[in-house]
Amino acid sequence: MLAYRAESALFNALRDFYKYTDKEGRIIINEIFTSEADIIPGYQNKTLTVKRHSLSIPRANDAVIKLCQLLNETETIYP
């Protein structure tokens, strides 16, 4: 249930800047979750950098960039 809620929250966030959300939103979210990425911990700065690999279509990459910017703005701290 938690994973579905996280997916739904990201889907709803896409609506603000991706006009194809109704058709492709869940597909893009699924592709984000299943595509390869490099996870780089920054121990000194207490950061976590995620370098994601390109998605299947350029407009999906643009949407993910905006989604990542939105998530970065939250300045989430884990524990």
N, C-alpha and C. Protein backbone atom coordinates (compact mmCIF):
# COMPACT_ATOMS: atom_id res chain seq x y z
N MET A 1 0.82 -1.19 0.00
CA MET A 1 0.00 0.00 0.00
C MET A 1 0.87 1.26 0.00
N LEU A 2 1.95 1.21 0.73
CA LEU A 2 2.85 2.36 0.79
C LEU A 2 3.45 2.67 -0.58
N ALA A 3 3.85 1.63 -1.31
CA ALA A 3 4.41 1.82 -2.65
C ALA A 3 3.38 2.43 -3.59
N TYR A 4 2.15 1.99 -3.50
CA TYR A 4 1.09 2.54 -4.35
C TYR A 4 0.86 4.01 -4.03
N ARG A 5 0.89 4.37 -2.76
CA ARG A 5 0.70 5.77 -2.38
C ARG A 5 1.85 6.64 -2.88
N ALA A 6 3.06 6.12 -2.80
CA ALA A 6 4.22 6.86 -3.31
C ALA A 6 4.09 7.06 -4.82
N GLU A 7 3.69 6.00 -5.52
CA GLU A 7 3.49 6.09 -6.96
C GLU A 7 2.39 7.11 -7.29
N SER A 8 1.31 7.07 -6.55
CA SER A 8 0.20 8.01 -6.79
C SER A 8 0.61 9.45 -6.52
N ALA A 9 1.42 9.66 -5.49
CA ALA A 9 1.89 11.02 -5.18
C ALA A 9 2.77 11.55 -6.31
N LEU A 10 3.65 10.72 -6.85
CA LEU A 10 4.49 11.14 -7.97
C LEU A 10 3.65 11.37 -9.22
N PHE A 11 2.68 10.51 -9.45
CA PHE A 11 1.77 10.67 -10.59
C PHE A 11 1.04 12.02 -10.51
N ASN A 12 0.52 12.34 -9.33
CA ASN A 12 -0.19 13.61 -9.16
C ASN A 12 0.74 14.80 -9.30
N ALA A 13 1.99 14.66 -8.89
CA ALA A 13 2.96 15.75 -9.06
C ALA A 13 3.26 15.98 -10.53
N LEU A 14 3.25 14.93 -11.34
CA LEU A 14 3.49 15.06 -12.78
C LEU A 14 2.44 15.94 -13.46
N ARG A 15 1.23 15.91 -12.96
CA ARG A 15 0.12 16.66 -13.57
C ARG A 15 0.42 18.15 -13.71
N ASP A 16 1.25 18.68 -12.82
CA ASP A 16 1.54 20.12 -12.83
C ASP A 16 2.36 20.57 -14.03
N PHE A 17 3.12 19.64 -14.64
CA PHE A 17 4.01 20.08 -15.71
C PHE A 17 4.12 19.11 -16.89
N TYR A 18 3.34 18.05 -16.89
CA TYR A 18 3.41 17.08 -17.98
C TYR A 18 2.02 16.87 -18.56
N LYS A 19 1.82 17.35 -19.77
CA LYS A 19 0.46 17.33 -20.33
C LYS A 19 -0.02 15.94 -20.75
N TYR A 20 0.88 14.97 -20.81
CA TYR A 20 0.50 13.61 -21.18
C TYR A 20 0.33 12.70 -19.96
N THR A 21 0.15 13.28 -18.79
CA THR A 21 0.08 12.49 -17.56
C THR A 21 -1.02 11.43 -17.63
N ASP A 22 -2.19 11.79 -18.10
CA ASP A 22 -3.29 10.82 -18.11
C ASP A 22 -2.97 9.60 -18.98
N LYS A 23 -2.26 9.80 -20.08
CA LYS A 23 -1.94 8.69 -20.98
C LYS A 23 -0.66 7.96 -20.57
N GLU A 24 0.36 8.72 -20.13
CA GLU A 24 1.68 8.13 -19.95
C GLU A 24 2.22 8.22 -18.53
N GLY A 25 1.51 8.87 -17.63
CA GLY A 25 2.03 9.13 -16.29
C GLY A 25 2.47 7.90 -15.54
N ARG A 26 1.60 6.91 -15.43
CA ARG A 26 1.95 5.69 -14.68
C ARG A 26 3.07 4.91 -15.39
N ILE A 27 3.11 4.98 -16.70
CA ILE A 27 4.17 4.31 -17.45
C ILE A 27 5.52 4.95 -17.12
N ILE A 28 5.55 6.28 -17.08
CA ILE A 28 6.79 6.99 -16.76
C ILE A 28 7.23 6.68 -15.33
N ILE A 29 6.30 6.71 -14.39
CA ILE A 29 6.64 6.41 -13.01
C ILE A 29 7.20 4.99 -12.90
N ASN A 30 6.57 4.05 -13.58
CA ASN A 30 7.05 2.67 -13.58
C ASN A 30 8.45 2.59 -14.18
N GLU A 31 8.66 3.32 -15.25
CA GLU A 31 9.98 3.31 -15.91
C GLU A 31 11.04 3.91 -14.99
N ILE A 32 10.69 4.94 -14.24
CA ILE A 32 11.63 5.52 -13.27
C ILE A 32 12.03 4.47 -12.25
N PHE A 33 11.04 3.75 -11.73
CA PHE A 33 11.29 2.76 -10.68
C PHE A 33 12.09 1.57 -11.19
N THR A 34 11.99 1.23 -12.47
CA THR A 34 12.65 0.03 -12.98
C THR A 34 13.91 0.31 -13.80
N SER A 35 14.17 1.57 -14.13
CA SER A 35 15.36 1.87 -14.92
C SER A 35 16.60 1.91 -14.02
N GLU A 36 17.74 1.77 -14.65
CA GLU A 36 18.99 1.77 -13.90
C GLU A 36 19.36 3.18 -13.48
N ALA A 37 20.07 3.26 -12.35
CA ALA A 37 20.54 4.53 -11.84
C ALA A 37 21.77 4.29 -10.99
N ASP A 38 22.60 5.31 -10.88
CA ASP A 38 23.76 5.27 -10.00
C ASP A 38 23.40 6.02 -8.73
N ILE A 39 23.62 5.39 -7.59
CA ILE A 39 23.32 6.02 -6.30
C ILE A 39 24.65 6.33 -5.63
N ILE A 40 24.88 7.62 -5.37
CA ILE A 40 26.16 8.07 -4.84
C ILE A 40 25.93 8.79 -3.51
N PRO A 41 26.34 8.15 -2.41
CA PRO A 41 26.19 8.81 -1.11
C PRO A 41 27.30 9.85 -0.92
N GLY A 42 26.91 11.00 -0.40
CA GLY A 42 27.87 12.05 -0.05
C GLY A 42 27.97 12.11 1.46
N TYR A 43 28.87 11.33 2.01
CA TYR A 43 28.95 11.19 3.46
C TYR A 43 29.30 12.50 4.16
N GLN A 44 30.22 13.29 3.59
CA GLN A 44 30.62 14.54 4.23
C GLN A 44 29.50 15.57 4.24
N ASN A 45 28.78 15.67 3.13
CA ASN A 45 27.71 16.65 3.01
C ASN A 45 26.35 16.11 3.43
N LYS A 46 26.32 14.82 3.76
CA LYS A 46 25.07 14.15 4.12
C LYS A 46 24.03 14.28 3.02
N THR A 47 24.45 13.91 1.80
CA THR A 47 23.57 13.96 0.64
C THR A 47 23.53 12.60 -0.04
N LEU A 48 22.55 12.43 -0.86
CA LEU A 48 22.44 11.24 -1.69
C LEU A 48 22.15 11.71 -3.11
N THR A 49 23.06 11.41 -4.01
CA THR A 49 22.90 11.79 -5.41
C THR A 49 22.47 10.57 -6.21
N VAL A 50 21.43 10.74 -6.99
CA VAL A 50 20.94 9.66 -7.85
C VAL A 50 21.10 10.12 -9.30
N LYS A 51 21.95 9.44 -10.05
CA LYS A 51 22.12 9.73 -11.47
C LYS A 51 21.34 8.69 -12.24
N ARG A 52 20.23 9.12 -12.78
CA ARG A 52 19.37 8.19 -13.49
C ARG A 52 19.79 8.10 -14.95
N HIS A 53 19.53 6.97 -15.53
CA HIS A 53 19.82 6.76 -16.94
C HIS A 53 18.63 7.25 -17.76
N SER A 54 18.86 7.50 -19.01
CA SER A 54 17.84 8.06 -19.89
C SER A 54 16.63 7.13 -20.00
N LEU A 55 15.46 7.76 -20.08
CA LEU A 55 14.22 7.00 -20.28
C LEU A 55 13.97 6.84 -21.77
N SER A 56 12.86 6.22 -22.11
CA SER A 56 12.62 5.82 -23.50
C SER A 56 12.30 6.98 -24.45
N ILE A 57 11.70 8.07 -23.95
CA ILE A 57 11.35 9.18 -24.83
C ILE A 57 11.82 10.50 -24.22
N PRO A 58 12.27 11.45 -25.06
CA PRO A 58 12.80 12.71 -24.55
C PRO A 58 11.83 13.49 -23.66
N ARG A 59 10.55 13.49 -23.98
CA ARG A 59 9.62 14.25 -23.15
C ARG A 59 9.47 13.62 -21.77
N ALA A 60 9.68 12.32 -21.66
CA ALA A 60 9.67 11.67 -20.35
C ALA A 60 10.90 12.10 -19.55
N ASN A 61 12.03 12.23 -20.21
CA ASN A 61 13.23 12.73 -19.53
C ASN A 61 13.02 14.14 -19.00
N ASP A 62 12.40 14.99 -19.80
CA ASP A 62 12.11 16.36 -19.36
C ASP A 62 11.18 16.36 -18.15
N ALA A 63 10.18 15.50 -18.17
CA ALA A 63 9.25 15.42 -17.04
C ALA A 63 9.96 14.94 -15.78
N VAL A 64 10.86 13.98 -15.93
CA VAL A 64 11.58 13.45 -14.77
C VAL A 64 12.52 14.50 -14.20
N ILE A 65 13.14 15.29 -15.04
CA ILE A 65 14.00 16.37 -14.56
C ILE A 65 13.19 17.32 -13.68
N LYS A 66 12.02 17.71 -14.14
CA LYS A 66 11.16 18.60 -13.35
C LYS A 66 10.68 17.92 -12.07
N LEU A 67 10.38 16.65 -12.15
CA LEU A 67 9.96 15.91 -10.96
C LEU A 67 11.10 15.84 -9.94
N CYS A 68 12.31 15.61 -10.41
CA CYS A 68 13.47 15.58 -9.51
C CYS A 68 13.71 16.95 -8.87
N GLN A 69 13.54 18.02 -9.65
CA GLN A 69 13.68 19.36 -9.09
C GLN A 69 12.65 19.58 -7.98
N LEU A 70 11.44 19.14 -8.22
CA LEU A 70 10.38 19.27 -7.22
C LEU A 70 10.73 18.49 -5.96
N LEU A 71 11.23 17.27 -6.12
CA LEU A 71 11.61 16.46 -4.96
C LEU A 71 12.80 17.07 -4.21
N ASN A 72 13.75 17.64 -4.95
CA ASN A 72 14.90 18.28 -4.30
C ASN A 72 14.47 19.49 -3.46
N GLU A 73 13.46 20.19 -3.92
CA GLU A 73 12.98 21.36 -3.20
C GLU A 73 12.39 21.00 -1.82
N THR A 74 12.01 19.75 -1.64
CA THR A 74 11.46 19.34 -0.34
C THR A 74 12.53 19.25 0.73
N GLU A 75 13.80 19.15 0.31
CA GLU A 75 14.94 19.03 1.25
C GLU A 75 14.66 17.98 2.31
N THR A 76 14.23 16.82 1.87
CA THR A 76 13.89 15.72 2.76
C THR A 76 15.13 15.23 3.50
N ILE A 77 14.98 15.02 4.78
CA ILE A 77 16.05 14.47 5.61
C ILE A 77 15.62 13.08 6.05
N TYR A 78 16.48 12.10 5.77
CA TYR A 78 16.18 10.73 6.17
C TYR A 78 17.05 10.38 7.36
N PRO A 79 16.48 9.70 8.25
CA PRO A 79 16.50 9.79 9.70
C PRO A 79 17.29 10.91 10.17
